[in-house]
Structures are given as structure tokens and as C-alpha cells.
Amino acid sequence: MDVIVTPAAYCRKAWILRDLLGRPMGRIMEARGPGFTVYPVERAHHILGEMPLGPYASLDDALRAVEKRTHGVCRRAPDQT
């Protein structure tokens, strides 16, 4: 399952995860201390809930963990660089 990643409008330290149909999968938050944590939404908990949720050293590490668990690719939204 491929996942689209977009920065959250409500917080500079959060990224939203959605599937290719636009359904929410969860979010990744940068912690106050070191690391990033994945927070799956309830609908996707059966997919993402079995993976270690964090902390990850970087956003890229967290995205790689999501890719490994979903057997897909995490892509930034086309308008994100």
C-alpha cells in the first residue's frame, strides 16, 4: 500500500499520512526531545499498529518503517518539495 505524506497545516512538526484514495492513515509527529513517532488512526491501526511506533531518529527513518510495514512507498505530495 502506497502512502502520501503531507505537512500538517496545524503544526510545523507533524506530517499527515493518507492512502492513495485520500483516506487518513495517521500522522508522524516530531517529539520535543529527539525523535519522531507514528500515530496511526483507528481505521489503519491493523496495518500500522503492529510496527514499532517510535521514536525514530529522523522523519525519513519513520517513513521507511511505514514503507516496510505497508510493503509500499511513502511519497511526498506532488506540491511538496
N, C-alpha and C. Protein backbone atom coordinates (compact mmCIF):
# COMPACT_ATOMS: atom_id res chain seq x y z
N MET A 1 0.84 -1.16 0.00
CA MET A 1 0.00 0.00 0.00
C MET A 1 0.90 1.24 0.00
N ASP A 2 0.71 2.11 -0.96
CA ASP A 2 1.46 3.36 -1.02
C ASP A 2 0.80 4.41 -0.14
N VAL A 3 1.62 5.29 0.40
CA VAL A 3 1.15 6.32 1.33
C VAL A 3 1.64 7.67 0.84
N ILE A 4 0.75 8.67 0.89
CA ILE A 4 1.09 10.05 0.54
C ILE A 4 1.35 10.81 1.84
N VAL A 5 2.43 11.56 1.89
CA VAL A 5 2.84 12.29 3.08
C VAL A 5 2.74 13.79 2.79
N THR A 6 2.03 14.52 3.66
CA THR A 6 1.93 15.97 3.52
C THR A 6 2.18 16.63 4.87
N PRO A 7 2.79 17.80 4.87
CA PRO A 7 2.93 18.53 6.14
C PRO A 7 1.54 18.90 6.67
N ALA A 8 1.38 18.84 7.97
CA ALA A 8 0.11 19.20 8.59
C ALA A 8 -0.04 20.71 8.62
N ALA A 9 -1.23 21.19 8.34
CA ALA A 9 -1.49 22.63 8.36
C ALA A 9 -1.50 23.17 9.78
N TYR A 10 -1.77 22.33 10.75
CA TYR A 10 -1.93 22.78 12.13
C TYR A 10 -0.64 22.80 12.94
N CYS A 11 0.44 22.22 12.38
CA CYS A 11 1.68 22.11 13.16
C CYS A 11 2.87 21.90 12.23
N ARG A 12 3.93 22.66 12.47
CA ARG A 12 5.14 22.52 11.64
C ARG A 12 5.88 21.21 11.88
N LYS A 13 5.59 20.56 13.00
CA LYS A 13 6.31 19.34 13.36
C LYS A 13 5.46 18.09 13.20
N ALA A 14 4.48 18.15 12.27
CA ALA A 14 3.60 17.00 12.04
C ALA A 14 3.43 16.78 10.55
N TRP A 15 3.28 15.51 10.17
CA TRP A 15 3.05 15.12 8.78
C TRP A 15 1.87 14.16 8.76
N ILE A 16 1.00 14.35 7.79
CA ILE A 16 -0.21 13.54 7.66
C ILE A 16 0.05 12.40 6.68
N LEU A 17 -0.41 11.21 7.02
CA LEU A 17 -0.28 10.02 6.18
C LEU A 17 -1.66 9.69 5.63
N ARG A 18 -1.77 9.53 4.30
CA ARG A 18 -3.03 9.14 3.66
C ARG A 18 -2.73 8.07 2.62
N ASP A 19 -3.71 7.20 2.37
CA ASP A 19 -3.53 6.23 1.29
C ASP A 19 -3.80 6.93 -0.04
N LEU A 20 -3.66 6.23 -1.13
CA LEU A 20 -3.80 6.85 -2.45
C LEU A 20 -5.22 7.31 -2.75
N LEU A 21 -6.20 6.83 -1.99
CA LEU A 21 -7.57 7.29 -2.16
C LEU A 21 -7.89 8.47 -1.25
N GLY A 22 -6.90 8.94 -0.51
CA GLY A 22 -7.08 10.11 0.36
C GLY A 22 -7.59 9.79 1.75
N ARG A 23 -7.72 8.51 2.09
CA ARG A 23 -8.19 8.13 3.42
C ARG A 23 -7.06 8.29 4.43
N PRO A 24 -7.36 8.82 5.61
CA PRO A 24 -6.32 9.02 6.62
C PRO A 24 -5.75 7.70 7.12
N MET A 25 -4.43 7.68 7.26
CA MET A 25 -3.73 6.53 7.81
C MET A 25 -3.13 6.86 9.18
N GLY A 26 -2.89 8.15 9.42
CA GLY A 26 -2.30 8.57 10.68
C GLY A 26 -1.45 9.80 10.49
N ARG A 27 -0.55 10.00 11.44
CA ARG A 27 0.36 11.14 11.36
C ARG A 27 1.69 10.77 11.98
N ILE A 28 2.69 11.54 11.64
CA ILE A 28 4.01 11.43 12.26
C ILE A 28 4.27 12.76 12.94
N MET A 29 4.67 12.70 14.20
CA MET A 29 4.95 13.90 14.97
C MET A 29 6.41 13.91 15.42
N GLU A 30 7.01 15.09 15.33
CA GLU A 30 8.35 15.26 15.88
C GLU A 30 8.21 15.53 17.36
N ALA A 31 8.93 14.78 18.17
CA ALA A 31 8.84 14.91 19.63
C ALA A 31 9.60 16.14 20.11
N ARG A 32 9.28 16.57 21.31
CA ARG A 32 10.03 17.68 21.91
C ARG A 32 11.47 17.28 22.13
N GLY A 33 11.67 16.05 22.50
CA GLY A 33 13.01 15.53 22.62
C GLY A 33 13.42 14.96 21.27
N PRO A 34 14.46 14.17 21.24
CA PRO A 34 14.86 13.61 19.95
C PRO A 34 13.85 12.57 19.46
N GLY A 35 13.61 12.58 18.19
CA GLY A 35 12.83 11.51 17.60
C GLY A 35 11.50 11.88 17.01
N PHE A 36 10.96 10.94 16.23
CA PHE A 36 9.68 11.06 15.55
C PHE A 36 8.84 9.84 15.91
N THR A 37 7.53 10.04 16.08
CA THR A 37 6.63 8.97 16.46
C THR A 37 5.49 8.88 15.45
N VAL A 38 5.10 7.65 15.11
CA VAL A 38 3.98 7.40 14.20
C VAL A 38 2.73 7.18 15.05
N TYR A 39 1.65 7.87 14.68
CA TYR A 39 0.35 7.73 15.35
C TYR A 39 -0.68 7.28 14.30
N PRO A 40 -0.96 5.98 14.22
CA PRO A 40 -1.95 5.52 13.24
C PRO A 40 -3.36 5.91 13.69
N VAL A 41 -4.24 6.19 12.73
CA VAL A 41 -5.65 6.40 13.07
C VAL A 41 -6.27 5.03 13.33
N GLU A 42 -7.41 5.01 13.97
CA GLU A 42 -8.04 3.75 14.34
C GLU A 42 -8.28 2.84 13.13
N ARG A 43 -8.72 3.42 12.01
CA ARG A 43 -9.01 2.65 10.82
C ARG A 43 -7.77 1.92 10.30
N ALA A 44 -6.60 2.50 10.48
CA ALA A 44 -5.36 1.92 9.96
C ALA A 44 -4.54 1.23 11.03
N HIS A 45 -5.08 1.13 12.24
CA HIS A 45 -4.30 0.54 13.33
C HIS A 45 -3.93 -0.91 13.04
N HIS A 46 -4.78 -1.64 12.32
CA HIS A 46 -4.46 -3.04 11.99
C HIS A 46 -3.30 -3.13 11.01
N ILE A 47 -3.03 -2.05 10.28
CA ILE A 47 -1.91 -2.03 9.33
C ILE A 47 -0.65 -1.49 10.00
N LEU A 48 -0.76 -0.32 10.62
CA LEU A 48 0.42 0.34 11.18
C LEU A 48 0.66 0.02 12.65
N GLY A 49 -0.36 -0.47 13.35
CA GLY A 49 -0.25 -0.68 14.78
C GLY A 49 0.72 -1.76 15.20
N GLU A 50 1.05 -2.67 14.32
CA GLU A 50 1.95 -3.77 14.67
C GLU A 50 3.42 -3.40 14.49
N MET A 51 3.70 -2.24 13.92
CA MET A 51 5.09 -1.81 13.75
C MET A 51 5.51 -1.00 14.98
N PRO A 52 6.81 -0.92 15.25
CA PRO A 52 7.25 -0.02 16.31
C PRO A 52 6.85 1.42 15.94
N LEU A 53 6.20 2.12 16.84
CA LEU A 53 5.70 3.46 16.55
C LEU A 53 6.75 4.54 16.78
N GLY A 54 7.86 4.20 17.36
CA GLY A 54 8.92 5.18 17.55
C GLY A 54 9.56 5.02 18.91
N PRO A 55 10.47 5.89 19.23
CA PRO A 55 10.89 7.03 18.42
C PRO A 55 11.87 6.63 17.32
N TYR A 56 11.79 7.35 16.22
CA TYR A 56 12.71 7.20 15.10
C TYR A 56 13.63 8.41 15.08
N ALA A 57 14.86 8.21 14.67
CA ALA A 57 15.86 9.27 14.69
C ALA A 57 15.54 10.40 13.72
N SER A 58 14.84 10.10 12.62
CA SER A 58 14.54 11.13 11.63
C SER A 58 13.18 10.84 10.99
N LEU A 59 12.64 11.83 10.30
CA LEU A 59 11.40 11.64 9.56
C LEU A 59 11.59 10.55 8.51
N ASP A 60 12.72 10.56 7.83
CA ASP A 60 12.99 9.53 6.82
C ASP A 60 12.99 8.13 7.42
N ASP A 61 13.54 7.98 8.63
CA ASP A 61 13.52 6.67 9.29
C ASP A 61 12.09 6.23 9.58
N ALA A 62 11.25 7.16 10.03
CA ALA A 62 9.85 6.84 10.31
C ALA A 62 9.13 6.45 9.02
N LEU A 63 9.40 7.17 7.93
CA LEU A 63 8.77 6.85 6.65
C LEU A 63 9.23 5.49 6.14
N ARG A 64 10.49 5.16 6.33
CA ARG A 64 10.99 3.84 5.92
C ARG A 64 10.29 2.72 6.70
N ALA A 65 10.03 2.96 7.98
CA ALA A 65 9.31 1.96 8.79
C ALA A 65 7.89 1.77 8.27
N VAL A 66 7.22 2.86 7.89
CA VAL A 66 5.88 2.76 7.32
C VAL A 66 5.93 1.99 6.00
N GLU A 67 6.92 2.29 5.16
CA GLU A 67 7.07 1.57 3.89
C GLU A 67 7.26 0.07 4.12
N LYS A 68 8.10 -0.25 5.07
CA LYS A 68 8.38 -1.66 5.35
C LYS A 68 7.10 -2.37 5.82
N ARG A 69 6.34 -1.72 6.66
CA ARG A 69 5.12 -2.34 7.20
C ARG A 69 4.03 -2.45 6.14
N THR A 70 3.89 -1.45 5.27
CA THR A 70 2.82 -1.45 4.28
C THR A 70 3.23 -2.13 2.97
N HIS A 71 4.52 -2.46 2.84
CA HIS A 71 5.05 -3.04 1.61
C HIS A 71 4.79 -2.12 0.42
N GLY A 72 4.89 -0.83 0.66
CA GLY A 72 4.65 0.16 -0.39
C GLY A 72 5.68 1.28 -0.33
N VAL A 73 5.28 2.42 -0.86
CA VAL A 73 6.17 3.57 -0.94
C VAL A 73 5.49 4.75 -0.26
N CYS A 74 6.25 5.51 0.53
CA CYS A 74 5.77 6.77 1.08
C CYS A 74 6.25 7.87 0.15
N ARG A 75 5.31 8.64 -0.37
CA ARG A 75 5.65 9.72 -1.29
C ARG A 75 5.18 11.04 -0.73
N ARG A 76 5.99 12.05 -0.90
CA ARG A 76 5.53 13.39 -0.55
C ARG A 76 4.51 13.83 -1.59
N ALA A 77 3.52 14.58 -1.16
CA ALA A 77 2.50 15.09 -2.08
C ALA A 77 3.19 15.84 -3.21
N PRO A 78 2.66 15.79 -4.43
CA PRO A 78 3.33 16.41 -5.58
C PRO A 78 3.71 17.88 -5.40
N ASP A 79 2.93 18.63 -4.62
CA ASP A 79 3.25 20.04 -4.46
C ASP A 79 4.25 20.29 -3.34
N GLN A 80 4.78 19.22 -2.70
CA GLN A 80 5.76 19.34 -1.63
C GLN A 80 7.15 19.04 -2.17
N THR A 81 8.11 19.86 -1.83
CA THR A 81 9.49 19.61 -2.28
C THR A 81 10.41 19.47 -1.11
